C-alpha atoms as a PDB file:
ATOM      1  CA  MET A   1      14.592 -18.786   6.986  1.00  0.00           C
ATOM      2  CA  ILE A   2      16.024 -15.361   6.194  1.00  0.00           C
ATOM      3  CA  ARG A   3      12.730 -14.218   4.638  1.00  0.00           C
ATOM      4  CA  SER A   4      10.815 -15.394   7.721  1.00  0.00           C
ATOM      5  CA  ALA A   5      13.152 -13.501  10.030  1.00  0.00           C
ATOM      6  CA  PHE A   6      12.953 -10.400   7.849  1.00  0.00           C
ATOM      7  CA  THR A   7       9.159 -10.615   7.697  1.00  0.00           C
ATOM      8  CA  LEU A   8       9.029 -10.866  11.487  1.00  0.00           C
ATOM      9  CA  LEU A   9      11.408  -7.927  11.886  1.00  0.00           C
ATOM     10  CA  VAL A  10       9.368  -5.741   9.531  1.00  0.00           C
ATOM     11  CA  ALA A  11       6.103  -6.788  11.178  1.00  0.00           C
ATOM     12  CA  VAL A  12       7.464  -5.918  14.620  1.00  0.00           C
ATOM     13  CA  SER A  13       8.910  -2.623  13.342  1.00  0.00           C
ATOM     14  CA  LEU A  14       5.611  -1.620  11.762  1.00  0.00           C
ATOM     15  CA  GLY A  15       3.520  -2.935  14.632  1.00  0.00           C
ATOM     16  CA  ALA A  16       3.058   0.525  16.121  1.00  0.00           C
ATOM     17  CA  THR A  17       1.280   1.750  12.999  1.00  0.00           C
ATOM     18  CA  ILE A  18      -0.402  -1.413  11.730  1.00  0.00           C
ATOM     19  CA  THR A  19      -2.554  -3.736  13.769  1.00  0.00           C
ATOM     20  CA  GLY A  20      -2.501  -7.469  13.191  1.00  0.00           C
ATOM     21  CA  SER A  21      -6.070  -7.417  11.900  1.00  0.00           C
ATOM     22  CA  ALA A  22      -5.093  -4.895   9.217  1.00  0.00           C
ATOM     23  CA  CYS A  23      -2.778  -7.504   7.743  1.00  0.00           C
ATOM     24  CA  ALA A  24      -5.223 -10.403   7.771  1.00  0.00           C
ATOM     25  CA  GLY A  25      -6.364 -10.014   4.184  1.00  0.00           C
ATOM     26  CA  ASP A  26      -7.967 -12.511   1.823  1.00  0.00           C
ATOM     27  CA  ALA A  27      -5.599 -13.249  -1.054  1.00  0.00           C
ATOM     28  CA  LYS A  28      -8.348 -14.673  -3.304  1.00  0.00           C
ATOM     29  CA  THR A  29     -10.388 -11.510  -3.023  1.00  0.00           C
ATOM     30  CA  GLY A  30      -7.211  -9.456  -3.433  1.00  0.00           C
ATOM     31  CA  ARG A  31      -6.430 -11.269  -6.681  1.00  0.00           C
ATOM     32  CA  LYS A  32      -9.763 -10.134  -8.125  1.00  0.00           C
ATOM     33  CA  ALA A  33      -9.137  -6.545  -7.030  1.00  0.00           C
ATOM     34  CA  ALA A  34      -5.587  -6.633  -8.439  1.00  0.00           C
ATOM     35  CA  THR A  35      -6.903  -6.428 -11.996  1.00  0.00           C
ATOM     36  CA  ALA A  36      -6.964  -2.654 -11.459  1.00  0.00           C
ATOM     37  CA  CYS A  37      -3.239  -2.801 -10.598  1.00  0.00           C
ATOM     38  CA  GLN A  38      -2.042  -4.994 -13.441  1.00  0.00           C
ATOM     39  CA  THR A  39      -1.387  -2.234 -15.978  1.00  0.00           C
ATOM     40  CA  CYS A  40       1.561  -0.993 -13.932  1.00  0.00           C
ATOM     41  CA  HIS A  41       2.391  -3.824 -11.524  1.00  0.00           C
ATOM     42  CA  GLY A  42       1.330  -6.851 -13.578  1.00  0.00           C
ATOM     43  CA  MET A  43      -1.063  -9.572 -12.459  1.00  0.00           C
ATOM     44  CA  ASP A  44       2.009 -11.499 -11.354  1.00  0.00           C
ATOM     45  CA  GLY A  45       3.229  -8.532  -9.299  1.00  0.00           C
ATOM     46  CA  LEU A  46       6.182  -7.920 -11.593  1.00  0.00           C
ATOM     47  CA  SER A  47       6.225  -4.350 -12.795  1.00  0.00           C
ATOM     48  CA  LYS A  48       5.559  -3.603 -16.436  1.00  0.00           C
ATOM     49  CA  LEU A  49       6.766   0.008 -16.126  1.00  0.00           C
ATOM     50  CA  PRO A  50      10.217   1.193 -15.025  1.00  0.00           C
ATOM     51  CA  GLU A  51       8.750   3.684 -12.530  1.00  0.00           C
ATOM     52  CA  ALA A  52       6.438   1.153 -10.844  1.00  0.00           C
ATOM     53  CA  PRO A  53       7.840  -1.209  -8.194  1.00  0.00           C
ATOM     54  CA  ASN A  54       7.508  -4.987  -8.173  1.00  0.00           C
ATOM     55  CA  LEU A  55       4.921  -6.058  -5.604  1.00  0.00           C
ATOM     56  CA  ALA A  56       5.303  -9.847  -5.782  1.00  0.00           C
ATOM     57  CA  GLY A  57       6.707 -11.280  -2.584  1.00  0.00           C
ATOM     58  CA  GLN A  58       6.771  -7.987  -0.679  1.00  0.00           C
ATOM     59  CA  VAL A  59       5.982  -8.393   3.004  1.00  0.00           C
ATOM     60  CA  GLU A  60       2.310  -7.883   3.767  1.00  0.00           C
ATOM     61  CA  PRO A  61       2.684  -5.247   6.527  1.00  0.00           C
ATOM     62  CA  TYR A  62       4.808  -3.096   4.203  1.00  0.00           C
ATOM     63  CA  LEU A  63       2.200  -3.250   1.431  1.00  0.00           C
ATOM     64  CA  VAL A  64      -0.592  -2.368   3.873  1.00  0.00           C
ATOM     65  CA  LYS A  65       1.436   0.563   5.188  1.00  0.00           C
ATOM     66  CA  ALA A  66       2.299   1.864   1.711  1.00  0.00           C
ATOM     67  CA  LEU A  67      -1.263   1.657   0.386  1.00  0.00           C
ATOM     68  CA  THR A  68      -2.659   3.238   3.540  1.00  0.00           C
ATOM     69  CA  GLU A  69      -0.174   6.099   3.264  1.00  0.00           C
ATOM     70  CA  TYR A  70      -1.084   6.686  -0.399  1.00  0.00           C
ATOM     71  CA  ARG A  71      -4.764   6.673   0.509  1.00  0.00           C
ATOM     72  CA  ASP A  72      -4.323   9.036   3.452  1.00  0.00           C
ATOM     73  CA  GLY A  73      -1.940  11.397   1.629  1.00  0.00           C
ATOM     74  CA  THR A  74       1.077  10.687   3.858  1.00  0.00           C
ATOM     75  CA  ARG A  75       2.898   9.233   0.846  1.00  0.00           C
ATOM     76  CA  ASN A  76       2.479  10.926  -2.509  1.00  0.00           C
ATOM     77  CA  ASN A  77       2.564   9.619  -6.045  1.00  0.00           C
ATOM     78  CA  GLN A  78       0.462  11.153  -8.786  1.00  0.00           C
ATOM     79  CA  ILE A  79      -1.084   7.831  -9.844  1.00  0.00           C
ATOM     80  CA  MET A  80      -1.109   5.867  -6.578  1.00  0.00           C
ATOM     81  CA  SER A  81      -2.608   8.704  -4.560  1.00  0.00           C
ATOM     82  CA  VAL A  82      -5.639   8.684  -6.879  1.00  0.00           C
ATOM     83  CA  VAL A  83      -5.878   4.878  -7.115  1.00  0.00           C
ATOM     84  CA  ALA A  84      -5.612   4.267  -3.361  1.00  0.00           C
ATOM     85  CA  LYS A  85      -7.942   7.103  -2.328  1.00  0.00           C
ATOM     86  CA  GLY A  86     -11.078   4.936  -2.615  1.00  0.00           C
ATOM     87  CA  LEU A  87      -9.679   1.786  -0.991  1.00  0.00           C
ATOM     88  CA  SER A  88     -11.082   0.564   2.318  1.00  0.00           C
ATOM     89  CA  ASP A  89      -8.895  -1.017   5.004  1.00  0.00           C
ATOM     90  CA  THR A  90     -10.285  -4.415   3.974  1.00  0.00           C
ATOM     91  CA  GLU A  91      -9.485  -3.869   0.290  1.00  0.00           C
ATOM     92  CA  ILE A  92      -5.959  -2.778   1.195  1.00  0.00           C
ATOM     93  CA  ALA A  93      -5.492  -5.874   3.366  1.00  0.00           C
ATOM     94  CA  ASN A  94      -6.769  -8.128   0.567  1.00  0.00           C
ATOM     95  CA  LEU A  95      -4.446  -6.603  -2.049  1.00  0.00           C
ATOM     96  CA  ALA A  96      -1.504  -6.858   0.341  1.00  0.00           C
ATOM     97  CA  ALA A  97      -2.306 -10.511   1.090  1.00  0.00           C
ATOM     98  CA  TYR A  98      -2.461 -11.315  -2.624  1.00  0.00           C
ATOM     99  CA  TYR A  99       0.811  -9.665  -3.610  1.00  0.00           C
ATOM    100  CA  ALA A 100       2.629 -10.896  -0.482  1.00  0.00           C
ATOM    101  CA  GLY A 101       1.472 -14.440  -1.259  1.00  0.00           C
ATOM    102  CA  ILE A 102       3.042 -14.532  -4.717  1.00  0.00           C
ATOM    103  CA  GLN A 103       6.077 -16.774  -4.517  1.00  0.00           C
ATOM    104  CA  ILE A 104       9.227 -15.467  -6.158  1.00  0.00           C
ATOM    105  CA  GLU A 105      12.676 -16.909  -6.500  1.00  0.00           C
ATOM    106  CA  VAL A 106      15.666 -14.661  -6.046  1.00  0.00           C
ATOM    107  CA  LEU A 107      18.891 -15.728  -7.687  1.00  0.00           C
ATOM    108  CA  PRO A 108      22.212 -13.941  -7.248  1.00  0.00           C
ATOM    109  CA  PRO A 109      23.933 -12.751 -10.424  1.00  0.00           C
ATOM    110  CA  GLY A 110      25.747 -15.563 -11.961  1.00  0.00           C
END
């Protein structure tokens, strides 16, 4: 319930910069493309490097926005700016759909 409300809030907040069609990616196709991401972010979306974020379970509009900003140069990171430069809107949407679709379980410290 909380995740659904948060996802809706983020989607509405980002709505001015991201259209609904930009977030309608194909997770199966995104999974195939994610092999290029696995060195840093893991095929499961859990980062293998301390400087790379976890992508599993992130909200789709956020992932689309981040990748688009890396591609367009609005957001800078030495590696991601190069990796995202060649991505089309469709490829970005597919990657975002794949990583957003990975189910994660969050447990409070015990």
